[in-house]
Amino acid sequence: MSVLEWLEAASYIVTVIGLPLAIGVYIHDRRREQQTDEEEIFLRLSDEYADFMRLVINNADLNLLSPVVKGELNEEQHERKRALFALLVSLFERAYVLVYEDRMSRQQARLWTSWEDYMIEWCAREDFRVALPALLQGEDPGFVATIRHIAGVAGSKPD
């Protein structure tokens, strides 16, 4: 075989084996990169929720860690509570926009379920459900429908 024939044979081998292999590696790397991006988003959102919970702890007089409203709050406390609920709704909307998909992979569904659990927990609070309509004005329509559904289900459950 001449050098030219060897080069031609090598080019066929590269085309038949190398190209599909390169495409497979590229697709695998893209999937891994997408999964890493999703996990990074989830971690950032989790950090924001942890920061929110620190605010809740720092405002313990509002009794937000208790599922049942305790006692009367003064006007300043009501204002802080509304502000914290507004922050929470904003965080929930961000999680919805960044994580929720109509058709989710198993990984995406796992990440979304964590946020859905947080929403269920907060929507079980009557004071949060009462504040929700005012907090949802101007928010993403898909998010509004989702959290209203969650609030409806959580509100109909016996305590």
Protein backbone atom coordinates (compact mmCIF):
# COMPACT_ATOMS: atom_id res chain seq x y z
CA MET A 1 0.00 0.00 0.00
CA SER A 2 1.22 3.43 -0.81
CA VAL A 3 1.25 6.30 1.61
CA LEU A 4 -1.70 7.83 -0.18
CA GLU A 5 -3.74 4.64 0.29
CA TRP A 6 -2.80 4.54 4.00
CA LEU A 7 -3.92 8.14 4.43
CA GLU A 8 -7.16 7.44 2.61
CA ALA A 9 -7.84 4.39 4.81
CA ALA A 10 -7.01 6.40 7.93
CA SER A 11 -9.42 9.16 6.89
CA TYR A 12 -12.20 6.57 6.46
CA ILE A 13 -11.47 5.16 9.91
CA VAL A 14 -11.57 8.64 11.44
CA THR A 15 -14.82 9.41 9.63
CA VAL A 16 -16.51 6.12 10.54
CA ILE A 17 -15.26 5.82 14.14
CA GLY A 18 -13.81 9.13 15.24
CA LEU A 19 -16.59 11.46 14.19
CA PRO A 20 -19.43 9.56 15.92
CA LEU A 21 -17.21 9.13 18.97
CA ALA A 22 -16.45 12.87 19.05
CA ILE A 23 -20.18 13.66 18.75
CA GLY A 24 -20.96 11.24 21.60
CA VAL A 25 -18.30 12.78 23.83
CA TYR A 26 -19.59 16.27 23.04
CA ILE A 27 -23.20 15.33 23.89
CA HIS A 28 -22.08 13.65 27.12
CA ASP A 29 -20.06 16.71 28.15
CA ARG A 30 -22.99 19.05 27.38
CA ARG A 31 -25.33 16.95 29.55
CA ARG A 32 -22.84 16.90 32.40
CA GLU A 33 -22.35 20.67 32.08
CA GLN A 34 -26.12 21.23 32.09
CA GLN A 35 -26.50 19.09 35.21
CA THR A 36 -23.71 21.02 36.91
CA ASP A 37 -25.40 24.31 35.99
CA GLU A 38 -28.72 23.07 37.41
CA GLU A 39 -27.05 22.01 40.65
CA GLU A 40 -25.25 25.36 40.89
CA ILE A 41 -28.55 27.22 40.48
CA PHE A 42 -30.11 25.01 43.14
CA LEU A 43 -27.22 25.66 45.54
CA ARG A 44 -27.46 29.43 45.04
CA LEU A 45 -31.20 29.33 45.63
CA SER A 46 -30.67 27.17 48.72
CA ASP A 47 -28.18 29.72 50.04
CA GLU A 48 -30.78 32.45 49.51
CA TYR A 49 -33.36 30.39 51.40
CA ALA A 50 -30.86 29.89 54.24
CA ASP A 51 -30.34 33.68 54.32
CA PHE A 52 -34.11 34.13 54.45
CA MET A 53 -34.35 31.69 57.36
CA ARG A 54 -31.67 33.71 59.19
CA LEU A 55 -33.91 36.75 58.78
CA VAL A 56 -36.80 34.72 60.20
CA ILE A 57 -34.67 33.77 63.20
CA ASN A 58 -33.55 37.38 63.66
CA ASN A 59 -37.23 38.37 63.70
CA ALA A 60 -38.32 35.68 66.14
CA ASP A 61 -40.93 38.02 67.66
CA LEU A 62 -43.01 37.50 64.48
CA ASN A 63 -43.43 33.78 65.31
CA LEU A 64 -42.73 32.69 61.74
CA LEU A 65 -41.13 29.43 62.83
CA SER A 66 -44.38 28.31 64.40
CA PRO A 67 -47.01 26.99 61.99
CA VAL A 68 -49.75 28.63 64.09
CA VAL A 69 -50.11 32.39 64.54
CA LYS A 70 -49.51 33.28 68.19
CA GLY A 71 -50.87 36.47 69.71
CA GLU A 72 -51.38 39.87 68.18
CA LEU A 73 -48.66 41.79 66.40
CA ASN A 74 -48.26 45.55 66.46
CA GLU A 75 -48.17 47.59 63.23
CA GLU A 76 -44.36 47.57 63.00
CA GLN A 77 -44.32 43.78 63.39
CA HIS A 78 -47.01 43.41 60.72
CA GLU A 79 -44.90 45.53 58.38
CA ARG A 80 -41.80 43.37 58.96
CA LYS A 81 -43.86 40.24 58.46
CA ARG A 82 -45.23 41.54 55.14
CA ALA A 83 -41.68 42.40 54.05
CA LEU A 84 -40.44 38.91 54.93
CA PHE A 85 -43.36 37.32 53.10
CA ALA A 86 -42.58 39.50 50.05
CA LEU A 87 -38.96 38.32 50.13
CA LEU A 88 -40.12 34.73 50.40
CA VAL A 89 -42.54 35.02 47.47
CA SER A 90 -39.78 36.62 45.40
CA LEU A 91 -37.47 33.72 46.25
CA PHE A 92 -40.17 31.18 45.40
CA GLU A 93 -40.78 32.87 42.06
CA ARG A 94 -37.06 32.86 41.27
CA ALA A 95 -36.94 29.14 42.09
CA TYR A 96 -39.97 28.54 39.87
CA VAL A 97 -38.49 30.46 36.93
CA LEU A 98 -35.05 28.86 37.22
CA VAL A 99 -35.95 25.28 38.18
CA TYR A 100 -39.50 24.42 37.08
CA GLU A 101 -40.18 22.96 33.63
CA ASP A 102 -43.34 21.39 32.25
CA ARG A 103 -41.29 18.35 31.27
CA MET A 104 -38.52 17.80 33.79
CA SER A 105 -35.74 15.28 33.91
CA ARG A 106 -35.48 13.19 37.05
CA GLN A 107 -32.75 15.54 38.31
CA GLN A 108 -34.84 18.65 37.65
CA ALA A 109 -37.88 17.07 39.32
CA ARG A 110 -35.76 16.26 42.38
CA LEU A 111 -34.59 19.86 42.62
CA TRP A 112 -38.09 21.25 42.06
CA THR A 113 -39.65 18.97 44.70
CA SER A 114 -37.48 20.57 47.38
CA TRP A 115 -38.87 24.00 46.49
CA GLU A 116 -42.39 22.68 46.25
CA ASP A 117 -41.99 21.31 49.79
CA TYR A 118 -40.95 24.76 51.05
CA MET A 119 -43.98 26.29 49.33
CA ILE A 120 -46.31 23.71 50.84
CA GLU A 121 -44.84 24.36 54.28
CA TRP A 122 -45.36 28.12 54.03
CA CYS A 123 -48.75 27.87 52.32
CA ALA A 124 -49.95 25.77 55.26
CA ARG A 125 -49.76 28.99 57.31
CA GLU A 126 -53.04 30.88 57.23
CA ASP A 127 -51.31 34.27 57.60
CA PHE A 128 -49.14 33.54 54.54
CA ARG A 129 -52.16 32.46 52.48
CA VAL A 130 -54.01 35.64 53.49
CA ALA A 131 -51.05 37.81 52.44
CA LEU A 132 -50.47 35.89 49.20
CA PRO A 133 -52.94 37.63 46.81
CA ALA A 134 -51.34 41.05 47.33
CA LEU A 135 -47.85 39.55 47.02
CA LEU A 136 -48.62 37.84 43.70
CA GLN A 137 -49.54 40.97 41.77
CA GLY A 138 -47.31 41.31 38.71
CA GLU A 139 -45.57 37.97 39.22
CA ASP A 140 -44.97 35.29 36.57
CA PRO A 141 -48.37 33.82 35.56
CA GLY A 142 -47.12 30.23 35.72
CA PHE A 143 -45.73 30.80 39.19
CA VAL A 144 -48.95 32.49 40.33
CA ALA A 145 -51.03 29.52 39.14
CA THR A 146 -48.65 27.04 40.78
CA ILE A 147 -48.50 28.71 44.19
CA ARG A 148 -52.24 29.39 44.20
CA HIS A 149 -52.83 25.70 43.58
CA ILE A 150 -50.41 24.78 46.38
CA ALA A 151 -52.06 27.30 48.72
CA GLY A 152 -55.49 25.93 47.86
CA VAL A 153 -54.45 22.38 48.65
CA ALA A 154 -52.55 23.40 51.81
CA GLY A 155 -55.47 25.55 52.99
CA SER A 156 -57.96 22.72 52.65
CA LYS A 157 -55.94 20.29 54.76
CA PRO A 158 -56.94 19.98 58.41
CA ASP A 159 -54.25 21.21 60.83
